[in-house]
Amino acid sequence: MKKAIHILYKKEWWVIFFILGFFLINYPIIHIFNKDFMIFGYPAFYLYLMLGWFGSIIVIVIYAWLSSHRP
């Protein structure tokens, strides 16, 4: 269990999440959602961007919370 918790504190996670976020806002992926259809009355492109932004903020908050509560 201690090793599983220790892996959460590695600094490489920031690099992994940065690269993942970079690819998620690049042309090929954004082009998938830049179509003319709506989800719950909102364009899919805007929902994709807003949910991705919200998801990245949640990842940062969780990582910061876990790093401040180190055993």
Protein backbone atom coordinates (compact mmCIF):
# COMPACT_ATOMS: atom_id res chain seq x y z
CA MET A 1 0.00 0.00 0.00
CA LYS A 2 2.82 2.40 0.83
CA LYS A 3 4.37 1.92 -2.61
CA ALA A 4 1.01 2.63 -4.29
CA ILE A 5 0.71 5.90 -2.37
CA HIS A 6 4.34 6.81 -3.07
CA ILE A 7 3.79 6.61 -6.84
CA LEU A 8 1.20 9.43 -6.61
CA TYR A 9 3.89 11.89 -5.52
CA LYS A 10 6.23 11.48 -8.46
CA LYS A 11 6.89 14.65 -10.40
CA GLU A 12 6.63 12.80 -13.70
CA TRP A 13 2.85 12.86 -13.35
CA TRP A 14 2.88 16.58 -14.13
CA VAL A 15 4.69 15.86 -17.39
CA ILE A 16 2.29 13.04 -18.27
CA PHE A 17 -0.79 15.19 -17.64
CA PHE A 18 0.73 18.11 -19.55
CA ILE A 19 1.39 15.93 -22.60
CA LEU A 20 -2.09 14.40 -22.36
CA GLY A 21 -3.67 17.86 -22.15
CA PHE A 22 -1.56 19.08 -25.05
CA PHE A 23 -2.74 16.25 -27.29
CA LEU A 24 -6.36 16.67 -26.24
CA ILE A 25 -6.42 20.28 -27.43
CA ASN A 26 -4.56 19.68 -30.70
CA TYR A 27 -6.12 19.63 -34.16
CA PRO A 28 -6.94 15.95 -34.75
CA ILE A 29 -8.84 15.52 -31.50
CA ILE A 30 -10.56 18.90 -31.57
CA HIS A 31 -11.63 18.27 -35.16
CA ILE A 32 -13.58 15.21 -33.98
CA PHE A 33 -15.77 17.43 -31.78
CA ASN A 34 -15.95 20.44 -34.11
CA LYS A 35 -19.07 19.16 -35.86
CA ASP A 36 -22.52 20.59 -36.25
CA PHE A 37 -24.35 18.65 -33.54
CA MET A 38 -25.64 19.52 -30.11
CA ILE A 39 -25.50 17.69 -26.79
CA PHE A 40 -28.11 18.85 -24.26
CA GLY A 41 -28.59 21.97 -26.38
CA TYR A 42 -24.89 22.93 -26.39
CA PRO A 43 -22.45 22.49 -29.26
CA ALA A 44 -20.27 19.40 -28.75
CA PHE A 45 -17.11 21.47 -29.29
CA TYR A 46 -17.84 23.82 -26.38
CA LEU A 47 -18.79 20.94 -24.10
CA TYR A 48 -15.55 19.16 -24.99
CA LEU A 49 -13.47 22.23 -24.16
CA MET A 50 -15.33 23.06 -20.95
CA LEU A 51 -15.34 19.48 -19.65
CA GLY A 52 -11.65 19.13 -20.52
CA TRP A 53 -10.85 22.36 -18.72
CA PHE A 54 -12.88 21.29 -15.70
CA GLY A 55 -11.19 17.86 -15.73
CA SER A 56 -7.73 19.41 -15.79
CA ILE A 57 -8.60 21.65 -12.85
CA ILE A 58 -9.88 18.63 -10.90
CA VAL A 59 -6.64 16.73 -11.61
CA ILE A 60 -4.58 19.69 -10.34
CA VAL A 61 -6.71 20.02 -7.19
CA ILE A 62 -6.48 16.30 -6.41
CA TYR A 63 -2.73 16.23 -7.00
CA ALA A 64 -2.19 19.32 -4.84
CA TRP A 65 -4.41 17.88 -2.08
CA LEU A 66 -2.56 14.56 -2.13
CA SER A 67 0.85 16.23 -2.07
CA SER A 68 -0.13 18.37 0.93
CA HIS A 69 -1.32 15.28 2.85
CA ARG A 70 1.84 13.23 2.54
CA PRO A 71 2.23 10.55 5.18
